[in-house]
Amino acid sequence: MLAILAPGQGSQKPGFLSPWIESDPAMERRLRDWSDLIDLDLVRLGTEAGQDEITDTANTQPLLVAAGLLAAEHLLADAAAAERYTAVAGHSVGELTALAIAGVLEPEAAVRLAAVRGRAMAEACGIEPTTMAAVLGGDEDEVLAAIESAGAWPANRNGAGQIVAAGPVAAVEKLAGNPPAKARIIPLKVAGAFHTPHMAPAKEALEAAAAAIEPADPVRTLLSNRDGKPVTSGAAALQQVVAQVTSPVRWDACMSTLGELGVTAVTELPPAGTLTGLAKRALKGVERVNVNTPGDLAAAAELASIEGVE
């Protein structure tokens, strides 16, 4: 079994969409159509904008979903790849990308929801000063206890010895001042405490936007950030994506399920590298491909061809 992974916020780099647009005018047209849909210039953001602009949550989230969908459409245009990539999972906002790849959402709906989500989360970040920090190493139970004691939340449980704490600035600073044994605290440059109750207003906005969408049931194995388990109902998948705005991302559970399913290789969509890096430690022996340019699609398609040989 092969799986597609869709990255979340923090993986973007200036100009990362330039190779895609330069390789095929049709890709630029696709991005411009999506740009018109959400009143945001995705082409400029992906090719010319600087780091500060593409780190703005309102810009980043639809940009990442659009980039992932663009690459996935070209990857799955290969018949063998479409047949053999039977599982998909996305990290945080990447879960919207995953829903579209699984057939739950039309690509346009995924991009539109990402734009609503990004704007609403950016606005929620402005209500009070909040932040996030990565906790690397340490005993997992002790790390979780220390995060709770400091008054923060475990926003991302990424596996491979990495948990991201989020909450009020004072709480995260308290955690950093008294880290768990054998753990390092690395402050993250983010706008606020994603995947915590501080994002409640954003959850309400996304819920309202999602209410107008008729989801379909997934045609690929779709893993949920909520618990890492497959979701078989499109309505449930969409509901869980909405709830995920204020709930922890259980990427550790997603990787555990990929292992249980017998996944032999994973391909990460652009901007790729973060999730395959986690998979390198958590999924021993599983082959990994990063798709960052159109030239990388051949390696991802080749995996499908090899997988299909009896």
Protein backbone atom coordinates (compact mmCIF):
# COMPACT_ATOMS: atom_id res chain seq x y z
CA MET A 1 0.00 0.00 0.00
CA LEU A 2 1.19 3.51 -0.86
CA ALA A 3 0.19 6.69 0.96
CA ILE A 4 0.12 10.38 0.09
CA LEU A 5 0.97 12.86 2.86
CA ALA A 6 -0.08 16.52 2.77
CA PRO A 7 2.00 18.94 4.88
CA GLY A 8 0.75 21.70 7.14
CA GLN A 9 1.72 25.22 8.05
CA GLY A 10 5.41 25.96 8.59
CA SER A 11 6.69 23.96 5.62
CA GLN A 12 6.34 26.78 3.06
CA LYS A 13 9.35 28.52 1.49
CA PRO A 14 9.52 31.60 -0.76
CA GLY A 15 9.17 30.71 -4.44
CA PHE A 16 8.32 27.05 -3.86
CA LEU A 17 5.65 27.07 -6.57
CA SER A 18 7.88 28.61 -9.25
CA PRO A 19 9.02 25.28 -10.76
CA TRP A 20 5.40 24.16 -11.14
CA ILE A 21 4.24 27.28 -12.89
CA GLU A 22 7.30 27.41 -15.13
CA SER A 23 6.86 23.79 -16.22
CA ASP A 24 3.29 24.01 -17.49
CA PRO A 25 1.03 27.01 -18.26
CA ALA A 26 -1.98 24.89 -17.31
CA MET A 27 -0.78 24.83 -13.71
CA GLU A 28 -0.71 28.62 -13.60
CA ARG A 29 -4.22 28.77 -15.03
CA ARG A 30 -5.42 26.34 -12.36
CA LEU A 31 -3.90 28.47 -9.61
CA ARG A 32 -5.40 31.64 -11.08
CA ASP A 33 -8.85 30.06 -11.11
CA TRP A 34 -8.48 29.21 -7.43
CA SER A 35 -7.09 32.70 -6.76
CA ASP A 36 -10.23 34.27 -8.25
CA LEU A 37 -12.36 31.96 -6.13
CA ILE A 38 -10.88 33.19 -2.83
CA ASP A 39 -9.76 36.70 -3.85
CA LEU A 40 -6.11 35.95 -3.08
CA ASP A 41 -3.24 35.88 -5.59
CA LEU A 42 -1.86 32.37 -5.06
CA VAL A 43 0.46 32.68 -8.06
CA ARG A 44 2.24 35.71 -6.64
CA LEU A 45 2.32 34.24 -3.13
CA GLY A 46 3.88 31.03 -4.41
CA THR A 47 6.47 32.67 -6.65
CA GLU A 48 7.32 36.23 -5.59
CA ALA A 49 6.20 36.82 -1.99
CA GLY A 50 8.75 36.89 0.82
CA GLN A 51 8.86 34.73 3.91
CA ASP A 52 6.89 37.13 6.12
CA GLU A 53 3.99 37.30 3.68
CA ILE A 54 3.72 33.56 3.13
CA THR A 55 3.98 32.98 6.89
CA ASP A 56 0.83 35.06 7.41
CA THR A 57 -1.73 32.43 8.41
CA ALA A 58 -4.41 33.92 6.15
CA ASN A 59 -2.11 33.45 3.14
CA THR A 60 -0.31 30.27 4.12
CA GLN A 61 -3.23 27.93 4.55
CA PRO A 62 -4.92 28.29 1.14
CA LEU A 63 -1.48 28.44 -0.51
CA LEU A 64 -0.47 25.08 0.98
CA VAL A 65 -3.74 23.39 0.09
CA ALA A 66 -3.58 24.71 -3.47
CA ALA A 67 0.04 23.56 -3.86
CA GLY A 68 -0.74 20.08 -2.57
CA LEU A 69 -3.75 19.67 -4.81
CA LEU A 70 -1.87 20.88 -7.86
CA ALA A 71 0.83 18.27 -7.34
CA ALA A 72 -1.64 15.51 -6.45
CA GLU A 73 -3.66 16.09 -9.63
CA HIS A 74 -0.55 15.56 -11.73
CA LEU A 75 0.67 12.59 -9.69
CA LEU A 76 -2.69 10.80 -9.88
CA ALA A 77 -3.03 11.50 -13.60
CA ASP A 78 -0.73 8.48 -13.93
CA ALA A 79 -3.01 5.43 -14.02
CA ALA A 80 -0.75 3.22 -11.90
CA ALA A 81 -0.35 5.94 -9.29
CA ALA A 82 -4.09 6.55 -9.13
CA GLU A 83 -4.63 2.84 -8.50
CA ARG A 84 -1.80 2.24 -6.05
CA TYR A 85 -1.88 5.34 -3.86
CA THR A 86 -4.75 4.07 -1.75
CA ALA A 87 -4.19 5.95 1.53
CA VAL A 88 -3.95 9.66 2.31
CA ALA A 89 -3.37 11.77 5.40
CA GLY A 90 -2.79 15.48 5.95
CA HIS A 91 -1.21 17.36 8.85
CA SER A 92 -3.36 20.20 10.24
CA VAL A 93 -4.54 22.33 7.27
CA GLY A 94 -3.13 19.58 5.05
CA GLU A 95 -6.14 17.54 6.11
CA LEU A 96 -8.24 19.64 3.72
CA THR A 97 -5.84 18.63 0.94
CA ALA A 98 -6.28 15.01 2.02
CA LEU A 99 -10.08 15.26 1.95
CA ALA A 100 -9.97 16.45 -1.65
CA ILE A 101 -7.55 13.69 -2.68
CA ALA A 102 -9.83 11.15 -1.01
CA GLY A 103 -12.81 12.49 -2.98
CA VAL A 104 -14.65 13.93 0.03
CA LEU A 105 -14.35 17.51 -1.26
CA GLU A 106 -14.00 19.05 -4.69
CA PRO A 107 -10.63 20.84 -4.98
CA GLU A 108 -12.37 24.21 -5.19
CA ALA A 109 -14.20 23.52 -1.93
CA ALA A 110 -10.97 22.52 -0.19
CA VAL A 111 -9.21 25.72 -1.29
CA ARG A 112 -12.22 27.83 -0.28
CA LEU A 113 -12.39 26.22 3.18
CA ALA A 114 -8.64 26.70 3.61
CA ALA A 115 -9.07 30.41 2.90
CA VAL A 116 -11.87 30.70 5.46
CA ARG A 117 -9.86 28.71 7.99
CA GLY A 118 -6.71 30.78 7.45
CA ARG A 119 -8.44 34.14 7.77
CA ALA A 120 -10.44 33.08 10.81
CA MET A 121 -7.43 31.61 12.61
CA ALA A 122 -5.40 34.75 11.88
CA GLU A 123 -8.18 36.84 13.43
CA ALA A 124 -8.39 34.53 16.45
CA CYS A 125 -4.65 34.94 17.00
CA GLY A 126 -5.19 38.66 17.47
CA ILE A 127 -7.57 38.29 20.43
CA GLU A 128 -4.81 37.67 23.00
CA PRO A 129 -1.05 36.91 22.90
CA THR A 130 -0.53 33.18 22.41
CA THR A 131 2.27 31.11 20.96
CA MET A 132 3.68 27.61 20.43
CA ALA A 133 6.92 25.75 21.19
CA ALA A 134 8.27 22.37 20.18
CA VAL A 135 9.22 20.00 22.98
CA LEU A 136 11.86 17.59 21.72
CA GLY A 137 12.76 14.46 23.64
CA GLY A 138 11.89 13.53 27.20
CA ASP A 139 9.42 10.96 28.49
CA GLU A 140 6.06 11.45 26.73
CA ASP A 141 3.95 11.23 29.88
CA GLU A 142 6.24 13.66 31.70
CA VAL A 143 6.16 16.08 28.75
CA LEU A 144 2.35 16.02 28.61
CA ALA A 145 2.14 16.56 32.37
CA ALA A 146 4.57 19.49 32.20
CA ILE A 147 2.59 21.12 29.39
CA GLU A 148 -0.64 20.84 31.37
CA SER A 149 1.02 22.09 34.56
CA ALA A 150 2.29 25.18 32.74
CA GLY A 151 -1.25 26.01 31.59
CA ALA A 152 -0.73 25.08 27.94
CA TRP A 153 -2.03 22.35 25.59
CA PRO A 154 -0.33 19.62 23.51
CA ALA A 155 -1.38 21.06 20.15
CA ASN A 156 0.55 18.65 17.94
CA ARG A 157 1.66 15.17 18.95
CA ASN A 158 3.92 14.48 16.00
CA GLY A 159 5.65 11.31 17.16
CA ALA A 160 9.38 10.72 16.81
CA GLY A 161 9.88 12.44 20.18
CA GLN A 162 8.20 15.71 19.19
CA ILE A 163 5.23 17.34 20.89
CA VAL A 164 4.22 20.96 20.24
CA ALA A 165 2.88 22.94 23.20
CA ALA A 166 0.56 25.90 22.67
CA GLY A 167 -1.20 28.44 24.82
CA PRO A 168 -0.80 31.89 26.37
CA VAL A 169 2.67 33.36 25.99
CA ALA A 170 3.18 33.28 29.76
CA ALA A 171 2.29 29.56 29.90
CA VAL A 172 4.69 28.60 27.13
CA GLU A 173 7.43 30.72 28.71
CA LYS A 174 6.79 28.95 32.02
CA LEU A 175 7.23 25.59 30.28
CA ALA A 176 10.45 26.77 28.63
CA GLY A 177 11.78 27.96 31.99
CA ASN A 178 11.20 24.55 33.58
CA PRO A 179 11.45 21.93 30.83
CA PRO A 180 10.79 18.23 31.44
CA ALA A 181 13.83 16.03 32.06
CA LYS A 182 15.90 15.31 28.95
CA ALA A 183 13.72 17.59 26.81
CA ARG A 184 14.56 20.69 24.78
CA ILE A 185 12.11 23.54 24.22
CA ILE A 186 12.28 25.36 20.89
CA PRO A 187 10.04 28.43 20.46
CA LEU A 188 8.17 28.50 17.15
CA LYS A 189 7.58 31.58 15.01
CA VAL A 190 3.82 31.32 14.75
CA ALA A 191 0.96 33.76 15.08
CA GLY A 192 -0.76 32.02 17.97
CA ALA A 193 -1.92 28.86 19.73
CA PHE A 194 -3.34 26.71 16.93
CA HIS A 195 -5.32 23.57 17.81
CA THR A 196 -6.30 24.84 21.25
CA PRO A 197 -9.48 26.39 22.70
CA HIS A 198 -8.02 29.80 21.74
CA MET A 199 -9.13 29.03 18.17
CA ALA A 200 -12.83 28.69 19.07
CA PRO A 201 -13.92 31.70 16.95
CA ALA A 202 -12.15 30.18 13.93
CA LYS A 203 -13.89 26.87 14.48
CA GLU A 204 -17.25 28.63 14.37
CA ALA A 205 -16.37 30.38 11.10
CA LEU A 206 -15.19 27.15 9.46
CA GLU A 207 -18.27 25.28 10.69
CA ALA A 208 -20.52 27.87 9.05
CA ALA A 209 -18.63 27.59 5.74
CA ALA A 210 -18.63 23.79 5.86
CA ALA A 211 -22.39 23.69 6.40
CA ALA A 212 -22.91 24.77 2.79
CA ILE A 213 -20.92 21.84 1.38
CA GLU A 214 -22.22 18.38 0.48
CA PRO A 215 -19.29 16.00 1.09
CA ALA A 216 -18.92 12.60 -0.57
CA ASP A 217 -17.67 9.45 1.10
CA PRO A 218 -13.93 8.85 0.64
CA VAL A 219 -12.72 6.66 -2.21
CA ARG A 220 -9.28 6.23 -0.61
CA THR A 221 -8.35 5.29 2.94
CA LEU A 222 -8.49 8.65 4.71
CA LEU A 223 -6.85 9.03 8.13
CA SER A 224 -8.13 11.57 10.63
CA ASN A 225 -5.93 13.89 12.70
CA ARG A 226 -8.34 13.31 15.58
CA ASP A 227 -7.20 9.77 16.34
CA GLY A 228 -5.29 8.54 13.31
CA LYS A 229 -8.09 6.14 12.35
CA PRO A 230 -9.65 5.75 8.90
CA VAL A 231 -12.82 7.77 8.30
CA THR A 232 -15.41 6.11 6.07
CA SER A 233 -18.05 8.85 6.02
CA GLY A 234 -17.55 12.10 4.14
CA ALA A 235 -19.83 13.95 6.57
CA ALA A 236 -17.82 12.67 9.53
CA ALA A 237 -14.54 13.58 7.84
CA LEU A 238 -15.68 17.15 7.26
CA GLN A 239 -17.01 17.42 10.80
CA GLN A 240 -13.68 16.23 12.21
CA VAL A 241 -11.74 18.75 10.11
CA VAL A 242 -13.85 21.51 11.63
CA ALA A 243 -13.34 20.16 15.16
CA GLN A 244 -9.59 19.85 14.52
CA VAL A 245 -9.21 23.66 14.64
CA THR A 246 -9.46 23.52 18.45
CA SER A 247 -8.23 19.94 18.95
CA PRO A 248 -4.74 18.40 18.98
CA VAL A 249 -3.23 17.01 15.78
CA ARG A 250 -2.50 13.34 16.48
CA TRP A 251 0.05 12.79 13.74
CA ASP A 252 1.69 10.13 15.90
CA ALA A 253 -1.53 8.13 15.67
CA CYS A 254 -1.71 8.66 11.90
CA MET A 255 1.78 7.21 11.46
CA SER A 256 0.94 4.30 13.74
CA THR A 257 -2.08 3.48 11.57
CA LEU A 258 -0.01 3.74 8.38
CA GLY A 259 2.28 1.10 9.87
CA GLU A 260 -0.66 -1.12 10.85
CA LEU A 261 -2.11 -0.84 7.33
CA GLY A 262 1.14 -2.16 5.88
CA VAL A 263 2.10 0.98 3.99
CA THR A 264 5.36 0.36 2.17
CA ALA A 265 6.06 3.87 0.84
CA VAL A 266 4.91 7.44 1.44
CA THR A 267 5.00 10.42 -0.90
CA GLU A 268 4.81 13.92 0.55
CA LEU A 269 3.28 16.72 -1.48
CA PRO A 270 4.91 20.16 -1.74
CA PRO A 271 6.41 21.76 0.17
CA ALA A 272 7.74 18.34 1.15
CA GLY A 273 10.23 17.11 3.74
CA THR A 274 8.68 17.61 7.17
CA LEU A 275 6.36 14.61 7.22
CA THR A 276 8.76 12.23 5.48
CA GLY A 277 11.32 13.31 8.10
CA LEU A 278 8.97 12.18 10.85
CA ALA A 279 8.19 8.99 8.92
CA LYS A 280 11.90 8.18 8.67
CA ARG A 281 12.01 7.71 12.43
CA ALA A 282 8.53 6.30 13.05
CA LEU A 283 8.05 4.01 10.03
CA LYS A 284 11.23 2.00 9.74
CA GLY A 285 11.86 0.50 6.32
CA VAL A 286 9.14 2.51 4.61
CA GLU A 287 10.30 4.19 1.41
CA ARG A 288 9.92 7.97 1.23
CA VAL A 289 9.61 10.38 -1.71
CA ASN A 290 9.49 14.17 -1.48
CA VAL A 291 7.64 15.92 -4.31
CA ASN A 292 8.89 19.51 -4.42
CA THR A 293 9.10 20.05 -8.18
CA PRO A 294 7.37 18.52 -11.21
CA GLY A 295 10.57 16.57 -11.79
CA ASP A 296 9.94 14.65 -8.56
CA LEU A 297 6.65 13.25 -9.83
CA ALA A 298 8.48 10.58 -11.83
CA ALA A 299 9.96 9.03 -8.69
CA ALA A 300 6.54 9.01 -7.01
CA ALA A 301 4.92 7.41 -10.06
CA GLU A 302 7.73 4.85 -10.27
CA LEU A 303 6.89 3.71 -6.74
CA ALA A 304 3.39 2.91 -7.94
CA SER A 305 4.71 1.02 -10.93
CA ILE A 306 7.02 -1.09 -8.75
CA GLU A 307 4.24 -1.69 -6.20
CA GLY A 308 2.06 -3.05 -8.98
CA VAL A 309 4.55 -5.73 -10.05
CA GLU A 310 3.60 -9.17 -8.75
